[in-house]
Amino acid sequence: MEFKSINPYNGKEIHTYKGLTDAQLHKKLENSEKAFEKWRKVPLKERAALMKKAGQVLKDNVEEYAKMITLEMGKPITESRAEVNKCAWVCDYYAENASTFLADEIIETDAQKSFVRHDPIGTVFAIMPWNFPFWQVFRYAAPTLTAGNVGLLKHASNVFGCAEQIEGVFKKAGFPEDVFQNLIIHHDKTEVIIAHDAVKAVTLTGSERAGAAVAQISGKYIKKSLLELGGNNAFIVWDDADIDKAVATALTARMLNCGQSCIAAKRFILMEGIYDEFVEKFTKGVIELKSGDPLEEDTKVGTLAREDLADELQKQVQASIKKGAKLILGGKQNGAYHEPTVLGNVKPGMPAFDEETFGPLAAMIKVKTIEEAFALSEQSKFGLGVTVCTTDIKKALACAGEVSDGAYFINELVKSDPRLPFGGEKRSGYGRELAKDGIMEFVNRKTVYVK
């Protein structure tokens, strides 16, 4: 099987990748098992030093990697550079903190000595998406490899160039052979991989449908799984908010990566007293964002990663308008490019409210009270994150318990940070990445007892 990498901006082919045969895949799985037996015995200090080198490789080759991201999935080049640098940060973070995270935990019992130690588990299989093709991989790989596990990557087929470069980062950093392997395969090989004895866990970032399928397979073989799935984040603005600051934050929260982010703000729930002002200023800000060639430095909005993704967004826009949403800005599509779009008077029952909209579409929702705002925020099958904009920090903190999502940000867009745990609730998945939580997901917390 062959996979073509196509530039979504101009439709030109970037490269063709030849898929692995069944025999080649089996060999890679066997090699992974052998690599783990050696890698687990490498002292943590040495593993951390290699991860630090991986961070340096990323910093040294920012332009090369950023260009591949932009070519393959259409992200503006400035954002691609930022993504590569963030990957270097997560490598440095685990290189510097893993020894603290993985230290033995002494627990006082009636034993002479009792403690918990943290051992690696084996091969961790990652199924990753195209929207942040480097970051999604590194936020799994940095803690997982540093902990002494080995990695297998099945990346999205439209970013196999990025996947090859990521494998190259670890090779350039001096990681032993087969500690991290990229698999050029179709997703129909997923069960074969999860079923293999070498594979001890699977982590997936992707759609709800893909997550459900992988969770089912993982359950069948009794393998641990971590799922980071979709989101329909609410961005709530109270009457007392600094509207100019809220609008500036909202523009980034919705339009970063052309809106193709699970943690993007998608539903703007606005108090009726500030609704008109916010919508007017937000719309003006969107108009000022330059669309164009994502390789140009001043481009803020590129294409979507594929034409079918723009088609899907267009269907959601038109269906929402038919159900009574007001088209304030944009609304048109041309190939993989979808105009940044603002819809007003959005209500439950419309795709713009009920569904995850993966693109530059902002849904404006008017409410009378803070209670109604939180009730509408909760009216979602997803639970990734919520933003609240207000000058009353004390009151906003008191409301944190009203939200069932995995993140609650006050006066800031929901974003991932290596120092903080990241993950969702409800249909947004389970488990946590990043921080100490991220490295603990794939270790054996082993109780040791001495009488």
Protein backbone atom coordinates (compact mmCIF):
# COMPACT_ATOMS: atom_id res chain seq x y z
CA MET A 1 0.00 0.00 0.00
CA GLU A 2 1.17 3.54 -0.80
CA PHE A 3 0.34 6.77 1.03
CA LYS A 4 0.54 10.15 -0.66
CA SER A 5 1.35 13.31 1.31
CA ILE A 6 -0.49 16.23 -0.34
CA ASN A 7 0.00 19.94 0.35
CA PRO A 8 -3.52 21.20 1.22
CA TYR A 9 -2.70 24.77 0.13
CA ASN A 10 -1.82 24.00 -3.51
CA GLY A 11 -2.84 20.34 -3.92
CA LYS A 12 0.69 19.29 -4.94
CA GLU A 13 2.12 15.94 -3.92
CA ILE A 14 4.94 16.24 -1.39
CA HIS A 15 5.99 12.59 -1.22
CA THR A 16 4.76 9.01 -1.53
CA TYR A 17 5.36 6.60 1.35
CA LYS A 18 5.40 2.83 0.94
CA GLY A 19 3.47 0.96 3.62
CA LEU A 20 5.00 -1.84 5.66
CA THR A 21 4.31 -5.43 4.68
CA ASP A 22 2.92 -7.78 7.35
CA ALA A 23 6.35 -9.36 7.68
CA GLN A 24 8.05 -5.96 8.11
CA LEU A 25 5.52 -4.93 10.75
CA HIS A 26 6.02 -8.17 12.67
CA LYS A 27 9.78 -7.64 12.58
CA LYS A 28 9.39 -4.11 14.00
CA LEU A 29 7.24 -5.47 16.83
CA GLU A 30 9.88 -8.09 17.63
CA ASN A 31 12.62 -5.45 17.49
CA SER A 32 10.63 -3.29 19.88
CA GLU A 33 10.50 -6.11 22.41
CA LYS A 34 14.27 -6.67 22.13
CA ALA A 35 15.01 -2.95 22.39
CA PHE A 36 12.98 -2.70 25.60
CA GLU A 37 15.01 -5.40 27.35
CA LYS A 38 18.16 -3.31 26.84
CA TRP A 39 16.63 0.18 27.21
CA ARG A 40 14.98 -0.56 30.56
CA LYS A 41 18.44 -1.31 32.02
CA VAL A 42 19.93 2.00 30.85
CA PRO A 43 20.22 4.21 33.97
CA LEU A 44 17.56 6.91 34.23
CA LYS A 45 20.25 9.59 34.25
CA GLU A 46 21.45 8.43 30.81
CA ARG A 47 17.92 8.19 29.41
CA ALA A 48 17.24 11.72 30.61
CA ALA A 49 20.46 12.99 29.02
CA LEU A 50 19.38 11.51 25.67
CA MET A 51 15.96 13.17 25.97
CA LYS A 52 17.73 16.46 26.62
CA LYS A 53 19.68 15.88 23.39
CA ALA A 54 16.42 15.24 21.55
CA GLY A 55 15.27 18.66 22.69
CA GLN A 56 18.45 20.17 21.32
CA VAL A 57 18.01 18.40 17.95
CA LEU A 58 14.54 19.98 17.72
CA LYS A 59 15.94 23.45 18.50
CA ASP A 60 18.78 23.00 16.00
CA ASN A 61 16.41 22.01 13.16
CA VAL A 62 13.36 24.20 13.82
CA GLU A 63 13.10 25.48 10.24
CA GLU A 64 13.30 22.04 8.63
CA TYR A 65 10.65 20.52 10.88
CA ALA A 66 8.37 23.57 10.84
CA LYS A 67 8.38 23.59 7.04
CA MET A 68 7.30 19.94 6.90
CA ILE A 69 4.42 20.63 9.32
CA THR A 70 3.22 23.55 7.19
CA LEU A 71 3.58 21.72 3.89
CA GLU A 72 1.74 18.61 5.07
CA MET A 73 -1.17 20.08 7.04
CA GLY A 74 -1.31 23.79 6.21
CA LYS A 75 -0.48 25.39 9.56
CA PRO A 76 0.96 28.94 9.31
CA ILE A 77 4.76 28.69 9.46
CA THR A 78 5.03 30.88 12.59
CA GLU A 79 2.76 28.46 14.45
CA SER A 80 4.73 25.46 13.14
CA ARG A 81 7.95 26.93 14.59
CA ALA A 82 6.22 27.48 17.92
CA GLU A 83 5.06 23.85 17.89
CA VAL A 84 8.59 22.51 17.34
CA ASN A 85 9.95 24.70 20.13
CA LYS A 86 7.21 23.50 22.47
CA CYS A 87 8.31 19.92 21.73
CA ALA A 88 11.85 20.86 22.77
CA TRP A 89 10.39 22.26 26.01
CA VAL A 90 8.60 19.00 26.86
CA CYS A 91 11.81 17.04 26.19
CA ASP A 92 13.74 19.34 28.54
CA TYR A 93 10.97 19.19 31.14
CA TYR A 94 11.05 15.41 31.48
CA ALA A 95 14.83 15.26 31.20
CA GLU A 96 15.01 17.59 34.20
CA ASN A 97 12.12 16.22 36.30
CA ALA A 98 11.91 12.47 35.62
CA SER A 99 14.25 11.53 38.48
CA THR A 100 12.00 13.34 40.96
CA PHE A 101 8.80 11.90 39.48
CA LEU A 102 10.13 8.33 39.38
CA ALA A 103 11.85 8.33 42.78
CA ASP A 104 10.87 5.60 45.22
CA GLU A 105 7.95 6.57 47.48
CA ILE A 106 8.68 5.48 51.04
CA ILE A 107 5.49 4.46 52.87
CA GLU A 108 5.54 3.81 56.62
CA THR A 109 3.89 0.48 57.53
CA ASP A 110 4.67 -2.28 60.06
CA ALA A 111 7.30 -3.54 57.61
CA GLN A 112 11.00 -3.04 58.19
CA LYS A 113 10.82 -1.12 54.93
CA SER A 114 8.00 -0.58 52.41
CA PHE A 115 7.96 1.61 49.35
CA VAL A 116 6.66 2.01 45.81
CA ARG A 117 9.12 1.90 42.94
CA HIS A 118 8.38 2.89 39.34
CA ASP A 119 9.38 0.45 36.62
CA PRO A 120 8.81 0.74 32.86
CA ILE A 121 6.19 -1.58 31.35
CA GLY A 122 7.36 -2.22 27.77
CA THR A 123 6.21 -1.02 24.37
CA VAL A 124 3.67 1.80 24.32
CA PHE A 125 1.82 2.14 21.00
CA ALA A 126 0.76 5.66 20.00
CA ILE A 127 -1.94 6.53 17.46
CA MET A 128 -1.61 10.23 16.73
CA PRO A 129 -3.49 12.92 14.73
CA TRP A 130 -2.40 15.41 12.10
CA ASN A 131 -3.45 18.70 13.75
CA PHE A 132 -0.32 19.12 15.92
CA PRO A 133 1.81 16.49 14.17
CA PHE A 134 4.94 17.02 16.27
CA TRP A 135 3.50 18.13 19.63
CA GLN A 136 0.99 15.29 20.04
CA VAL A 137 3.79 12.77 19.54
CA PHE A 138 6.37 14.40 21.79
CA ARG A 139 4.01 14.94 24.70
CA TYR A 140 3.61 11.14 24.76
CA ALA A 141 7.17 10.18 23.76
CA ALA A 142 9.12 12.41 26.16
CA PRO A 143 7.73 10.94 29.40
CA THR A 144 7.24 7.42 28.00
CA LEU A 145 10.79 6.94 26.72
CA THR A 146 12.42 8.69 29.67
CA ALA A 147 10.58 6.29 31.99
CA GLY A 148 12.32 3.39 30.22
CA ASN A 149 9.57 2.26 27.87
CA VAL A 150 9.92 2.01 24.10
CA GLY A 151 7.58 3.56 21.54
CA LEU A 152 5.75 2.65 18.35
CA LEU A 153 4.06 5.43 16.37
CA LYS A 154 1.14 5.12 13.96
CA HIS A 155 0.72 8.68 12.73
CA ALA A 156 -2.08 10.11 10.59
CA SER A 157 -1.43 9.18 6.96
CA ASN A 158 -1.39 12.80 5.72
CA VAL A 159 1.62 13.65 7.95
CA PHE A 160 3.92 10.67 7.38
CA GLY A 161 6.71 13.13 6.49
CA CYS A 162 6.49 14.57 10.01
CA ALA A 163 6.42 11.05 11.42
CA GLU A 164 9.67 10.15 9.65
CA GLN A 165 11.32 13.34 10.91
CA ILE A 166 10.23 12.58 14.48
CA GLU A 167 11.86 9.14 14.32
CA GLY A 168 14.90 10.95 12.93
CA VAL A 169 15.01 13.29 15.97
CA PHE A 170 15.54 10.34 18.31
CA LYS A 171 18.14 8.77 16.01
CA LYS A 172 20.07 12.05 15.77
CA ALA A 173 19.93 12.41 19.57
CA GLY A 174 21.64 9.02 19.93
CA PHE A 175 18.79 6.85 21.21
CA PRO A 176 19.49 3.15 20.74
CA GLU A 177 18.10 1.42 17.65
CA ASP A 178 14.36 0.58 17.79
CA VAL A 179 13.63 2.45 21.04
CA PHE A 180 11.30 4.64 18.96
CA GLN A 181 9.92 3.30 15.68
CA ASN A 182 7.63 4.95 13.15
CA LEU A 183 5.17 2.62 11.43
CA ILE A 184 3.96 3.44 7.91
CA ILE A 185 0.71 1.48 8.11
CA HIS A 186 -3.04 1.78 7.62
CA HIS A 187 -5.24 1.85 10.73
CA ASP A 188 -6.52 -1.64 9.87
CA LYS A 189 -3.31 -2.99 11.47
CA THR A 190 -4.25 -1.54 14.87
CA GLU A 191 -5.56 -4.77 16.38
CA VAL A 192 -2.56 -6.80 15.20
CA ILE A 193 -0.28 -4.35 17.01
CA ILE A 194 -2.29 -4.07 20.24
CA ALA A 195 -2.64 -7.87 20.39
CA HIS A 196 1.16 -8.40 20.25
CA ASP A 197 2.70 -9.47 23.55
CA ALA A 198 5.35 -6.73 23.36
CA VAL A 199 2.71 -3.98 23.45
CA LYS A 200 1.64 -3.21 27.01
CA ALA A 201 -0.41 -0.03 26.47
CA VAL A 202 -1.86 2.23 23.81
CA THR A 203 -2.36 5.99 23.75
CA LEU A 204 -4.59 7.68 21.20
CA THR A 205 -5.29 11.30 20.40
CA GLY A 206 -8.05 11.60 17.85
CA SER A 207 -11.75 11.38 17.18
CA GLU A 208 -14.40 9.95 19.47
CA ARG A 209 -15.05 7.18 16.94
CA ALA A 210 -11.37 6.19 16.74
CA GLY A 211 -11.09 6.33 20.54
CA ALA A 212 -14.08 4.02 21.03
CA ALA A 213 -12.66 1.51 18.53
CA VAL A 214 -9.21 1.49 20.17
CA ALA A 215 -10.66 1.27 23.69
CA GLN A 216 -12.69 -1.75 22.60
CA ILE A 217 -9.64 -3.52 21.14
CA SER A 218 -7.53 -2.63 24.20
CA GLY A 219 -10.20 -4.03 26.49
CA LYS A 220 -10.34 -7.25 24.49
CA TYR A 221 -6.60 -7.82 25.06
CA ILE A 222 -6.58 -6.31 28.58
CA LYS A 223 -4.10 -3.57 27.66
CA LYS A 224 -4.12 -0.17 29.29
CA SER A 225 -5.37 2.71 27.12
CA LEU A 226 -5.24 6.49 27.35
CA LEU A 227 -7.63 8.51 25.17
CA GLU A 228 -7.48 12.22 24.37
CA LEU A 229 -10.48 12.82 22.14
CA GLY A 230 -12.61 15.70 20.90
CA GLY A 231 -13.80 18.84 22.62
CA ASN A 232 -16.46 21.51 22.35
CA ASN A 233 -15.00 24.00 24.79
CA ALA A 234 -17.10 26.83 26.15
CA PHE A 235 -15.61 30.33 26.38
CA ILE A 236 -17.77 32.14 28.93
CA VAL A 237 -17.66 35.95 29.21
CA TRP A 238 -19.26 37.60 32.26
CA ASP A 239 -20.62 41.16 32.31
CA ASP A 240 -17.68 42.46 34.35
CA ALA A 241 -14.96 41.14 32.00
CA ASP A 242 -12.39 43.34 30.29
CA ILE A 243 -13.92 42.91 26.83
CA ASP A 244 -10.88 43.97 24.82
CA LYS A 245 -8.68 41.45 26.63
CA ALA A 246 -11.37 38.77 26.38
CA VAL A 247 -11.68 39.33 22.63
CA ALA A 248 -7.90 39.13 22.12
CA THR A 249 -7.79 35.85 24.05
CA ALA A 250 -10.85 34.53 22.22
CA LEU A 251 -9.34 35.19 18.78
CA THR A 252 -6.34 33.01 19.59
CA ALA A 253 -8.48 30.44 21.38
CA ARG A 254 -10.64 29.92 18.29
CA MET A 255 -8.41 30.68 15.29
CA LEU A 256 -5.06 29.13 16.29
CA ASN A 257 -4.19 26.32 13.86
CA CYS A 258 -7.15 27.48 11.73
CA GLY A 259 -9.43 26.26 14.51
CA GLN A 260 -8.26 22.64 14.18
CA SER A 261 -7.74 21.88 17.84
CA CYS A 262 -9.60 19.74 20.34
CA ILE A 263 -9.05 22.39 23.04
CA ALA A 264 -10.02 25.38 20.89
CA ALA A 265 -12.83 27.57 22.21
CA LYS A 266 -15.82 26.67 20.06
CA ARG A 267 -18.91 27.91 21.90
CA PHE A 268 -18.76 31.55 23.03
CA ILE A 269 -21.30 31.89 25.82
CA LEU A 270 -21.82 35.60 26.40
CA MET A 271 -23.88 37.55 28.96
CA GLU A 272 -26.54 39.56 27.12
CA GLY A 273 -25.18 42.86 28.49
CA ILE A 274 -21.87 42.45 26.64
CA TYR A 275 -23.01 40.22 23.76
CA ASP A 276 -23.19 42.91 21.06
CA GLU A 277 -19.90 44.56 22.02
CA PHE A 278 -18.03 41.24 22.18
CA VAL A 279 -19.42 39.96 18.87
CA GLU A 280 -18.66 43.24 17.09
CA LYS A 281 -15.07 43.41 18.35
CA PHE A 282 -14.44 39.70 17.80
CA THR A 283 -15.74 39.90 14.21
CA LYS A 284 -13.53 42.93 13.53
CA GLY A 285 -10.54 40.98 14.86
CA VAL A 286 -11.31 38.00 12.62
CA ILE A 287 -11.54 40.28 9.54
CA GLU A 288 -8.02 41.55 10.29
CA LEU A 289 -6.51 38.03 10.26
CA LYS A 290 -4.63 37.53 6.98
CA SER A 291 -5.52 34.38 5.06
CA GLY A 292 -3.10 33.03 2.48
CA ASP A 293 -0.05 30.88 1.82
CA PRO A 294 0.87 29.31 5.18
CA LEU A 295 4.58 29.51 4.28
CA GLU A 296 4.40 33.34 4.33
CA GLU A 297 5.39 34.94 7.62
CA ASP A 298 2.34 37.20 7.96
CA THR A 299 -0.30 34.53 7.25
CA LYS A 300 -2.55 33.91 10.23
CA VAL A 301 -5.16 31.62 8.63
CA GLY A 302 -4.14 28.84 6.27
CA THR A 303 -6.21 26.08 4.76
CA LEU A 304 -7.68 23.16 6.65
CA ALA A 305 -5.53 20.05 6.53
CA ARG A 306 -7.66 18.33 3.88
CA GLU A 307 -10.55 19.27 1.60
CA ASP A 308 -12.94 16.77 3.21
CA LEU A 309 -12.46 18.55 6.54
CA ALA A 310 -13.51 21.85 4.97
CA ASP A 311 -16.50 20.06 3.39
CA GLU A 312 -17.60 18.81 6.80
CA LEU A 313 -17.30 22.26 8.39
CA GLN A 314 -19.30 23.78 5.54
CA LYS A 315 -22.11 21.27 6.18
CA GLN A 316 -22.17 22.24 9.87
CA VAL A 317 -22.30 25.96 9.00
CA GLN A 318 -25.14 25.58 6.50
CA ALA A 319 -27.16 23.25 8.74
CA SER A 320 -26.84 25.69 11.65
CA ILE A 321 -28.03 28.61 9.45
CA LYS A 322 -31.02 26.54 8.33
CA LYS A 323 -31.91 26.03 11.98
CA GLY A 324 -31.86 29.77 12.71
CA ALA A 325 -28.24 30.80 13.33
CA LYS A 326 -27.32 34.22 11.95
CA LEU A 327 -24.38 34.41 9.53
CA ILE A 328 -22.33 37.38 10.76
CA LEU A 329 -19.11 36.77 8.81
CA GLY A 330 -17.65 34.35 6.27
CA GLY A 331 -19.47 31.12 5.56
CA LYS A 332 -17.88 30.20 2.23
CA GLN A 333 -15.52 27.39 1.27
CA ASN A 334 -13.04 26.97 -1.58
CA GLY A 335 -11.35 23.56 -1.66
CA ALA A 336 -9.47 23.01 1.59
CA TYR A 337 -9.83 26.70 2.50
CA HIS A 338 -12.79 27.67 4.66
CA GLU A 339 -13.43 31.33 5.41
CA PRO A 340 -13.20 32.27 9.08
CA THR A 341 -16.86 32.28 10.05
CA VAL A 342 -18.89 33.84 12.86
CA LEU A 343 -22.42 32.65 13.61
CA GLY A 344 -24.73 34.56 15.96
CA ASN A 345 -27.74 33.47 18.04
CA VAL A 346 -26.53 29.87 18.16
CA LYS A 347 -28.68 27.54 20.26
CA PRO A 348 -28.72 23.88 21.35
CA GLY A 349 -29.94 21.65 18.53
CA MET A 350 -27.72 23.34 15.95
CA PRO A 351 -24.51 21.58 14.78
CA ALA A 352 -22.54 24.72 15.76
CA PHE A 353 -23.62 24.09 19.37
CA ASP A 354 -23.95 20.31 19.61
CA GLU A 355 -21.01 19.08 17.54
CA GLU A 356 -17.27 19.60 17.56
CA THR A 357 -16.51 22.07 14.76
CA PHE A 358 -12.92 21.46 13.63
CA GLY A 359 -12.14 24.68 11.79
CA PRO A 360 -12.42 28.49 11.92
CA LEU A 361 -16.05 28.71 13.07
CA ALA A 362 -17.05 30.72 16.14
CA ALA A 363 -20.53 30.15 17.60
CA MET A 364 -21.96 33.07 19.59
CA ILE A 365 -24.51 32.21 22.29
CA LYS A 366 -26.44 34.75 24.39
CA VAL A 367 -27.41 34.09 28.04
CA LYS A 368 -29.06 36.06 30.85
CA THR A 369 -27.30 34.64 33.93
CA ILE A 370 -24.06 33.03 35.03
CA GLU A 371 -26.06 29.94 36.04
CA GLU A 372 -27.47 29.66 32.52
CA ALA A 373 -23.94 30.07 31.09
CA PHE A 374 -22.61 27.11 33.10
CA ALA A 375 -25.72 25.03 32.35
CA LEU A 376 -25.18 25.53 28.60
CA SER A 377 -21.46 24.87 28.97
CA GLU A 378 -22.30 21.52 30.57
CA GLN A 379 -24.82 20.71 27.82
CA SER A 380 -22.20 18.82 25.82
CA LYS A 381 -21.08 15.23 25.49
CA PHE A 382 -17.51 16.52 25.63
CA GLY A 383 -15.59 17.70 28.68
CA LEU A 384 -12.13 18.96 27.79
CA GLY A 385 -11.95 22.54 29.06
CA VAL A 386 -13.75 25.79 29.88
CA THR A 387 -12.58 29.42 29.93
CA VAL A 388 -14.24 32.08 32.10
CA CYS A 389 -13.45 35.77 31.51
CA THR A 390 -14.15 38.06 34.46
CA THR A 391 -12.53 40.57 36.82
CA ASP A 392 -14.07 38.75 39.82
CA ILE A 393 -11.40 36.09 40.26
CA LYS A 394 -12.70 35.03 43.67
CA LYS A 395 -16.16 34.28 42.29
CA ALA A 396 -14.72 32.51 39.24
CA LEU A 397 -12.60 30.26 41.47
CA ALA A 398 -15.69 29.45 43.55
CA CYS A 399 -17.39 28.27 40.34
CA ALA A 400 -14.64 25.80 39.38
CA GLY A 401 -16.68 22.95 40.83
CA GLU A 402 -19.60 23.79 38.53
CA VAL A 403 -17.60 22.50 35.58
CA SER A 404 -17.12 18.78 34.87
CA ASP A 405 -14.38 19.34 32.27
CA GLY A 406 -10.73 18.37 32.73
CA ALA A 407 -9.56 22.01 32.70
CA TYR A 408 -10.90 25.34 33.97
CA PHE A 409 -9.03 28.46 32.86
CA ILE A 410 -9.78 31.97 34.13
CA ASN A 411 -8.97 34.85 31.72
CA GLU A 412 -6.88 32.56 29.51
CA LEU A 413 -7.48 30.15 26.67
CA VAL A 414 -7.38 26.45 27.52
CA LYS A 415 -3.92 25.21 26.53
CA SER A 416 -1.51 22.40 27.28
CA ASP A 417 1.60 23.03 29.37
CA PRO A 418 4.25 20.37 30.21
CA ARG A 419 3.99 21.35 33.90
CA LEU A 420 0.23 20.74 34.16
CA PRO A 421 -1.81 17.55 33.69
CA PHE A 422 -3.87 17.52 30.51
CA GLY A 423 -6.93 15.46 29.62
CA GLY A 424 -10.69 15.37 29.53
CA GLU A 425 -13.86 13.86 30.93
CA LYS A 426 -17.03 12.43 29.37
CA ARG A 427 -16.60 11.75 25.62
CA SER A 428 -13.33 13.69 25.63
CA GLY A 429 -11.56 10.59 26.88
CA TYR A 430 -9.73 9.44 29.99
CA GLY A 431 -6.28 9.49 31.50
CA ARG A 432 -3.86 12.40 31.76
CA GLU A 433 -0.84 13.50 29.78
CA LEU A 434 1.98 15.86 30.81
CA ALA A 435 3.25 16.82 34.28
CA LYS A 436 3.92 13.99 36.77
CA ASP A 437 0.59 12.39 35.77
CA GLY A 438 1.83 11.87 32.21
CA ILE A 439 4.87 9.82 33.19
CA MET A 440 2.85 7.81 35.74
CA GLU A 441 0.34 6.60 33.13
CA PHE A 442 2.80 4.08 31.68
CA VAL A 443 4.84 2.79 34.62
CA ASN A 444 4.40 -0.16 36.95
CA ARG A 445 3.86 1.29 40.42
CA LYS A 446 5.37 -1.66 42.20
CA THR A 447 4.91 -2.22 45.92
CA VAL A 448 8.08 -3.47 47.66
CA TYR A 449 7.77 -4.85 51.21
CA VAL A 450 10.56 -6.01 53.52
CA LYS A 451 9.69 -7.87 56.71
